[in-house]
Amino acid sequence: MMGARVDHVVTSGTFSLDGGTWEVDNNVWIVGDDAEAIVIDAAHDAEAIAAAVGGRRLVAIVSTHGHDDHIDAAPELAARTGAPVLLHPDDLMLWEQCHPGTAPDGALADGQVVTVAGTGLTVLHTPGHSPGAVCLHVPALGTVFSGDTLFQGGPGATGRSFSDFPTIIDSIRGRLLTLPAETVVRTGHGDSTTVGAEAPHLEEWIARGH
């Protein structure tokens, strides 16, 4: 019996908020085995993500937060696969900006466990980058999917609407840096890191203030 594994697709598109638009590359993470999978952040390209899922049953499309570059392909992927789109309710206003007149299929809550291939992904509510931002801790795989809350080199951006720097610092300090040091941090953009590599720099980030 094979356990769950992590697959990875990078998709490209744009991120728009507060009247600006930026070109971005997004990490799309797929957790599962040969039979079933979960997609974390259906970004930009439903076709590429569906191809990576392949013939597997898609259990859920989990959104780490509601920014458009993380959810823009979610409805199309859901329509293709029948999988529910899950989002923390505190980010519903961001979902509405991207997909007016629609709603996600289900809500994420702190402490909730989403299971795929016998492996639990625990939802950690980590507001700051957005009010409903979450990370997904997978102890069995020694990893946490951090969305845009924590990157290699520091916290996610807090310069736009609905974001707050002291809040993201509290989330990182209390929810992520408390995980085992060897935990791999798989991020929403860019390279992965580890909890142990980032933890020593917390005070520097606070001093920088962004």
C-alpha atoms as a PDB file:
ATOM      1  CA  MET A   1       0.000   0.000   0.000  1.00  0.00           C
ATOM      2  CA  MET A   2       1.552   3.256  -1.131  1.00  0.00           C
ATOM      3  CA  GLY A   3       1.039   6.242   1.136  1.00  0.00           C
ATOM      4  CA  ALA A   4       0.228   9.746   0.010  1.00  0.00           C
ATOM      5  CA  ARG A   5       2.778  11.726  -1.952  1.00  0.00           C
ATOM      6  CA  VAL A   6       3.086  15.361  -3.009  1.00  0.00           C
ATOM      7  CA  ASP A   7       2.985  16.385  -6.660  1.00  0.00           C
ATOM      8  CA  HIS A   8       3.613  19.920  -7.867  1.00  0.00           C
ATOM      9  CA  VAL A   9       2.520  22.035 -10.821  1.00  0.00           C
ATOM     10  CA  VAL A  10       3.551  25.637 -11.483  1.00  0.00           C
ATOM     11  CA  THR A  11       0.945  27.735 -13.289  1.00  0.00           C
ATOM     12  CA  SER A  12       1.223  31.309 -14.524  1.00  0.00           C
ATOM     13  CA  GLY A  13      -1.259  34.151 -14.678  1.00  0.00           C
ATOM     14  CA  THR A  14      -2.077  37.389 -12.902  1.00  0.00           C
ATOM     15  CA  PHE A  15      -2.929  38.618  -9.424  1.00  0.00           C
ATOM     16  CA  SER A  16      -5.232  41.631  -9.152  1.00  0.00           C
ATOM     17  CA  LEU A  17      -6.237  43.582  -6.049  1.00  0.00           C
ATOM     18  CA  ASP A  18      -6.744  47.224  -5.131  1.00  0.00           C
ATOM     19  CA  GLY A  19      -6.695  48.290  -8.795  1.00  0.00           C
ATOM     20  CA  GLY A  20      -3.298  46.796  -9.640  1.00  0.00           C
ATOM     21  CA  THR A  21      -2.425  43.669 -11.625  1.00  0.00           C
ATOM     22  CA  TRP A  22       0.817  41.672 -11.463  1.00  0.00           C
ATOM     23  CA  GLU A  23       2.193  38.676 -13.376  1.00  0.00           C
ATOM     24  CA  VAL A  24       2.664  35.721 -11.013  1.00  0.00           C
ATOM     25  CA  ASP A  25       3.733  32.086 -11.001  1.00  0.00           C
ATOM     26  CA  ASN A  26       1.824  29.949  -8.496  1.00  0.00           C
ATOM     27  CA  ASN A  27       2.623  26.631  -6.874  1.00  0.00           C
ATOM     28  CA  VAL A  28      -0.255  24.180  -7.133  1.00  0.00           C
ATOM     29  CA  TRP A  29       0.188  21.258  -4.737  1.00  0.00           C
ATOM     30  CA  ILE A  30      -1.465  17.868  -5.228  1.00  0.00           C
ATOM     31  CA  VAL A  31      -1.533  15.457  -2.282  1.00  0.00           C
ATOM     32  CA  GLY A  32      -2.692  11.884  -2.719  1.00  0.00           C
ATOM     33  CA  ASP A  33      -1.935   8.405  -4.010  1.00  0.00           C
ATOM     34  CA  ASP A  34      -2.698   6.663  -7.306  1.00  0.00           C
ATOM     35  CA  ALA A  35      -6.433   6.529  -6.536  1.00  0.00           C
ATOM     36  CA  GLU A  36      -7.377   9.904  -5.074  1.00  0.00           C
ATOM     37  CA  ALA A  37      -5.989  13.377  -4.545  1.00  0.00           C
ATOM     38  CA  ILE A  38      -6.562  16.835  -3.086  1.00  0.00           C
ATOM     39  CA  VAL A  39      -5.561  20.008  -4.940  1.00  0.00           C
ATOM     40  CA  ILE A  40      -4.257  22.906  -2.865  1.00  0.00           C
ATOM     41  CA  ASP A  41      -4.868  26.245  -4.641  1.00  0.00           C
ATOM     42  CA  ALA A  42      -6.371  25.852  -8.117  1.00  0.00           C
ATOM     43  CA  ALA A  43      -4.395  28.651  -9.752  1.00  0.00           C
ATOM     44  CA  HIS A  44      -4.769  29.956 -13.299  1.00  0.00           C
ATOM     45  CA  ASP A  45      -4.936  26.779 -15.399  1.00  0.00           C
ATOM     46  CA  ALA A  46      -7.628  24.180 -14.703  1.00  0.00           C
ATOM     47  CA  GLU A  47      -6.510  22.086 -17.668  1.00  0.00           C
ATOM     48  CA  ALA A  48      -2.906  21.745 -16.457  1.00  0.00           C
ATOM     49  CA  ILE A  49      -4.064  20.927 -12.935  1.00  0.00           C
ATOM     50  CA  ALA A  50      -6.582  18.352 -14.179  1.00  0.00           C
ATOM     51  CA  ALA A  51      -3.833  16.753 -16.273  1.00  0.00           C
ATOM     52  CA  ALA A  52      -1.614  16.451 -13.193  1.00  0.00           C
ATOM     53  CA  VAL A  53      -4.448  14.873 -11.219  1.00  0.00           C
ATOM     54  CA  GLY A  54      -4.952  12.448 -14.099  1.00  0.00           C
ATOM     55  CA  GLY A  55      -7.444   9.660 -13.591  1.00  0.00           C
ATOM     56  CA  ARG A  56      -7.504  10.024  -9.828  1.00  0.00           C
ATOM     57  CA  ARG A  57     -10.651  10.944  -7.934  1.00  0.00           C
ATOM     58  CA  LEU A  58     -10.354  14.534  -6.765  1.00  0.00           C
ATOM     59  CA  VAL A  59     -11.548  14.644  -3.149  1.00  0.00           C
ATOM     60  CA  ALA A  60     -11.429  18.418  -2.682  1.00  0.00           C
ATOM     61  CA  ILE A  61      -9.989  21.681  -3.968  1.00  0.00           C
ATOM     62  CA  VAL A  62      -8.626  23.422  -0.886  1.00  0.00           C
ATOM     63  CA  SER A  63      -7.973  27.172  -1.110  1.00  0.00           C
ATOM     64  CA  THR A  64      -5.327  28.550   1.254  1.00  0.00           C
ATOM     65  CA  HIS A  65      -6.912  31.994   0.827  1.00  0.00           C
ATOM     66  CA  GLY A  66      -9.193  33.983  -1.415  1.00  0.00           C
ATOM     67  CA  HIS A  67      -6.804  36.025  -3.559  1.00  0.00           C
ATOM     68  CA  ASP A  68      -7.717  35.628  -7.209  1.00  0.00           C
ATOM     69  CA  ASP A  69      -4.431  34.018  -8.242  1.00  0.00           C
ATOM     70  CA  HIS A  70      -5.163  31.129  -5.851  1.00  0.00           C
ATOM     71  CA  ILE A  71      -8.827  30.550  -6.761  1.00  0.00           C
ATOM     72  CA  ASP A  72      -9.264  31.719 -10.349  1.00  0.00           C
ATOM     73  CA  ALA A  73      -9.304  28.176 -11.795  1.00  0.00           C
ATOM     74  CA  ALA A  74     -11.218  26.596  -8.906  1.00  0.00           C
ATOM     75  CA  PRO A  75     -14.768  26.702 -10.358  1.00  0.00           C
ATOM     76  CA  GLU A  76     -13.630  25.256 -13.694  1.00  0.00           C
ATOM     77  CA  LEU A  77     -11.640  22.494 -11.990  1.00  0.00           C
ATOM     78  CA  ALA A  78     -14.631  21.744  -9.771  1.00  0.00           C
ATOM     79  CA  ALA A  79     -16.917  21.571 -12.807  1.00  0.00           C
ATOM     80  CA  ARG A  80     -14.521  19.153 -14.536  1.00  0.00           C
ATOM     81  CA  THR A  81     -14.062  16.869 -11.540  1.00  0.00           C
ATOM     82  CA  GLY A  82     -17.078  17.242  -9.265  1.00  0.00           C
ATOM     83  CA  ALA A  83     -14.761  18.072  -6.357  1.00  0.00           C
ATOM     84  CA  PRO A  84     -15.921  20.650  -3.802  1.00  0.00           C
ATOM     85  CA  VAL A  85     -14.053  23.945  -3.443  1.00  0.00           C
ATOM     86  CA  LEU A  86     -13.258  24.721   0.209  1.00  0.00           C
ATOM     87  CA  LEU A  87     -12.382  28.187   1.574  1.00  0.00           C
ATOM     88  CA  HIS A  88     -12.288  29.792   5.005  1.00  0.00           C
ATOM     89  CA  PRO A  89     -15.413  31.980   5.338  1.00  0.00           C
ATOM     90  CA  ASP A  90     -13.390  35.031   6.411  1.00  0.00           C
ATOM     91  CA  ASP A  91     -12.201  35.307   2.776  1.00  0.00           C
ATOM     92  CA  LEU A  92     -15.628  35.166   1.144  1.00  0.00           C
ATOM     93  CA  MET A  93     -15.407  38.868   0.175  1.00  0.00           C
ATOM     94  CA  LEU A  94     -12.253  38.086  -1.834  1.00  0.00           C
ATOM     95  CA  TRP A  95     -13.966  35.119  -3.500  1.00  0.00           C
ATOM     96  CA  GLU A  96     -16.859  37.428  -4.447  1.00  0.00           C
ATOM     97  CA  GLN A  97     -14.453  39.842  -6.137  1.00  0.00           C
ATOM     98  CA  CYS A  98     -13.128  37.027  -8.325  1.00  0.00           C
ATOM     99  CA  HIS A  99     -16.294  34.963  -8.845  1.00  0.00           C
ATOM    100  CA  PRO A 100     -19.278  37.313  -8.322  1.00  0.00           C
ATOM    101  CA  GLY A 101     -22.592  35.714  -7.552  1.00  0.00           C
ATOM    102  CA  THR A 102     -21.082  32.337  -6.662  1.00  0.00           C
ATOM    103  CA  ALA A 103     -19.821  30.743  -3.470  1.00  0.00           C
ATOM    104  CA  PRO A 104     -17.351  28.006  -2.543  1.00  0.00           C
ATOM    105  CA  ASP A 105     -18.874  24.581  -1.913  1.00  0.00           C
ATOM    106  CA  GLY A 106     -17.726  24.315   1.681  1.00  0.00           C
ATOM    107  CA  ALA A 107     -16.001  26.100   4.544  1.00  0.00           C
ATOM    108  CA  LEU A 108     -12.636  25.472   6.159  1.00  0.00           C
ATOM    109  CA  ALA A 109     -12.287  25.828   9.930  1.00  0.00           C
ATOM    110  CA  ASP A 110      -9.303  25.843  12.250  1.00  0.00           C
ATOM    111  CA  GLY A 111      -8.533  22.311  13.392  1.00  0.00           C
ATOM    112  CA  GLN A 112     -10.539  20.665  10.620  1.00  0.00           C
ATOM    113  CA  VAL A 113      -8.863  17.605   9.090  1.00  0.00           C
ATOM    114  CA  VAL A 114      -9.208  16.938   5.366  1.00  0.00           C
ATOM    115  CA  THR A 115      -8.269  13.340   4.594  1.00  0.00           C
ATOM    116  CA  VAL A 116      -6.934  11.881   1.350  1.00  0.00           C
ATOM    117  CA  ALA A 117      -5.285   8.509   0.777  1.00  0.00           C
ATOM    118  CA  GLY A 118      -5.470   7.806   4.507  1.00  0.00           C
ATOM    119  CA  THR A 119      -3.482  10.953   5.262  1.00  0.00           C
ATOM    120  CA  GLY A 120      -4.814  13.875   7.299  1.00  0.00           C
ATOM    121  CA  LEU A 121      -4.239  17.513   6.380  1.00  0.00           C
ATOM    122  CA  THR A 122      -4.967  19.688   9.412  1.00  0.00           C
ATOM    123  CA  VAL A 123      -6.276  23.196   8.747  1.00  0.00           C
ATOM    124  CA  LEU A 124      -4.429  25.946  10.637  1.00  0.00           C
ATOM    125  CA  HIS A 125      -6.184  29.307  10.473  1.00  0.00           C
ATOM    126  CA  THR A 126      -3.316  31.768   9.914  1.00  0.00           C
ATOM    127  CA  PRO A 127      -4.789  35.219   9.222  1.00  0.00           C
ATOM    128  CA  GLY A 128      -2.635  38.176   8.211  1.00  0.00           C
ATOM    129  CA  HIS A 129      -2.039  37.915   4.471  1.00  0.00           C
ATOM    130  CA  SER A 130      -5.820  37.752   4.334  1.00  0.00           C
ATOM    131  CA  PRO A 131      -8.410  37.283   7.100  1.00  0.00           C
ATOM    132  CA  GLY A 132      -9.260  33.737   6.064  1.00  0.00           C
ATOM    133  CA  ALA A 133      -5.780  32.519   5.185  1.00  0.00           C
ATOM    134  CA  VAL A 134      -5.046  28.942   6.225  1.00  0.00           C
ATOM    135  CA  CYS A 135      -2.084  26.579   6.168  1.00  0.00           C
ATOM    136  CA  LEU A 136      -2.356  22.793   5.925  1.00  0.00           C
ATOM    137  CA  HIS A 137      -0.152  20.723   8.214  1.00  0.00           C
ATOM    138  CA  VAL A 138       0.489  17.139   7.135  1.00  0.00           C
ATOM    139  CA  PRO A 139       2.481  15.472   9.934  1.00  0.00           C
ATOM    140  CA  ALA A 140       2.621  12.134   8.085  1.00  0.00           C
ATOM    141  CA  LEU A 141       4.501  13.823   5.236  1.00  0.00           C
ATOM    142  CA  GLY A 142       6.561  16.159   7.438  1.00  0.00           C
ATOM    143  CA  THR A 143       5.253  19.185   5.592  1.00  0.00           C
ATOM    144  CA  VAL A 144       3.070  22.249   5.885  1.00  0.00           C
ATOM    145  CA  PHE A 145       1.460  23.954   2.909  1.00  0.00           C
ATOM    146  CA  SER A 146       1.789  27.617   3.832  1.00  0.00           C
ATOM    147  CA  GLY A 147      -0.053  29.359   1.011  1.00  0.00           C
ATOM    148  CA  ASP A 148       1.081  32.985   1.106  1.00  0.00           C
ATOM    149  CA  THR A 149       1.530  33.113   4.888  1.00  0.00           C
ATOM    150  CA  LEU A 150       5.212  32.088   5.057  1.00  0.00           C
ATOM    151  CA  PHE A 151       7.831  32.042   2.325  1.00  0.00           C
ATOM    152  CA  GLN A 152      11.514  31.314   2.072  1.00  0.00           C
ATOM    153  CA  GLY A 153      12.834  34.535   3.583  1.00  0.00           C
ATOM    154  CA  GLY A 154       9.829  35.831   5.439  1.00  0.00           C
ATOM    155  CA  PRO A 155       6.115  36.432   5.788  1.00  0.00           C
ATOM    156  CA  GLY A 156       3.672  36.950   2.961  1.00  0.00           C
ATOM    157  CA  ALA A 157       2.831  40.460   1.796  1.00  0.00           C
ATOM    158  CA  THR A 158       0.589  42.593   4.004  1.00  0.00           C
ATOM    159  CA  GLY A 159       0.514  45.840   2.033  1.00  0.00           C
ATOM    160  CA  ARG A 160      -2.907  45.385   0.439  1.00  0.00           C
ATOM    161  CA  SER A 161      -6.549  45.388   1.493  1.00  0.00           C
ATOM    162  CA  PHE A 162      -7.659  42.964   4.213  1.00  0.00           C
ATOM    163  CA  SER A 163      -4.071  42.196   5.282  1.00  0.00           C
ATOM    164  CA  ASP A 164      -2.216  43.049   8.486  1.00  0.00           C
ATOM    165  CA  PHE A 165       1.444  42.679   9.434  1.00  0.00           C
ATOM    166  CA  PRO A 166       1.123  42.140  13.228  1.00  0.00           C
ATOM    167  CA  THR A 167      -1.543  39.512  12.545  1.00  0.00           C
ATOM    168  CA  ILE A 168       0.617  37.535  10.097  1.00  0.00           C
ATOM    169  CA  ILE A 169       3.538  37.650  12.554  1.00  0.00           C
ATOM    170  CA  ASP A 170       1.269  36.258  15.291  1.00  0.00           C
ATOM    171  CA  SER A 171       0.092  33.508  12.947  1.00  0.00           C
ATOM    172  CA  ILE A 172       3.627  32.538  11.918  1.00  0.00           C
ATOM    173  CA  ARG A 173       4.964  32.674  15.473  1.00  0.00           C
ATOM    174  CA  GLY A 174       2.087  30.746  17.020  1.00  0.00           C
ATOM    175  CA  ARG A 175       1.053  28.286  14.336  1.00  0.00           C
ATOM    176  CA  LEU A 176       4.017  27.625  12.023  1.00  0.00           C
ATOM    177  CA  LEU A 177       7.271  28.172  13.896  1.00  0.00           C
ATOM    178  CA  THR A 178       5.916  25.860  16.625  1.00  0.00           C
ATOM    179  CA  LEU A 179       5.978  22.937  14.163  1.00  0.00           C
ATOM    180  CA  PRO A 180       8.988  20.587  14.160  1.00  0.00           C
ATOM    181  CA  ALA A 181      12.080  22.315  12.758  1.00  0.00           C
ATOM    182  CA  GLU A 182      12.483  19.762   9.976  1.00  0.00           C
ATOM    183  CA  THR A 183       8.955  20.424   8.661  1.00  0.00           C
ATOM    184  CA  VAL A 184       9.136  21.312   4.962  1.00  0.00           C
ATOM    185  CA  VAL A 185       7.265  24.534   4.159  1.00  0.00           C
ATOM    186  CA  ARG A 186       5.690  24.276   0.715  1.00  0.00           C
ATOM    187  CA  THR A 187       4.736  27.788  -0.299  1.00  0.00           C
ATOM    188  CA  GLY A 188       2.231  29.433  -2.625  1.00  0.00           C
ATOM    189  CA  HIS A 189       4.980  30.947  -4.780  1.00  0.00           C
ATOM    190  CA  GLY A 190       8.692  30.231  -5.164  1.00  0.00           C
ATOM    191  CA  ASP A 191      10.936  27.711  -3.455  1.00  0.00           C
ATOM    192  CA  SER A 192      10.157  25.542  -0.458  1.00  0.00           C
ATOM    193  CA  THR A 193      11.960  26.017   2.848  1.00  0.00           C
ATOM    194  CA  THR A 194      11.813  24.511   6.358  1.00  0.00           C
ATOM    195  CA  VAL A 195      10.507  25.743   9.681  1.00  0.00           C
ATOM    196  CA  GLY A 196      14.020  25.492  11.088  1.00  0.00           C
ATOM    197  CA  ALA A 197      15.479  27.646   8.313  1.00  0.00           C
ATOM    198  CA  GLU A 198      12.966  30.450   8.856  1.00  0.00           C
ATOM    199  CA  ALA A 199      12.490  30.450  12.646  1.00  0.00           C
ATOM    200  CA  PRO A 200      15.755  32.238  13.541  1.00  0.00           C
ATOM    201  CA  HIS A 201      14.759  35.246  11.401  1.00  0.00           C
ATOM    202  CA  LEU A 202      11.469  36.169  13.096  1.00  0.00           C
ATOM    203  CA  GLU A 203      12.885  39.160  14.981  1.00  0.00           C
ATOM    204  CA  GLU A 204      14.503  40.494  11.782  1.00  0.00           C
ATOM    205  CA  TRP A 205      11.128  40.403  10.014  1.00  0.00           C
ATOM    206  CA  ILE A 206       9.481  42.233  12.902  1.00  0.00           C
ATOM    207  CA  ALA A 207      12.238  44.862  12.830  1.00  0.00           C
ATOM    208  CA  ARG A 208      11.731  45.297   9.055  1.00  0.00           C
ATOM    209  CA  GLY A 209       8.014  45.622   9.655  1.00  0.00           C
ATOM    210  CA  HIS A 210       6.871  44.073   6.382  1.00  0.00           C
END
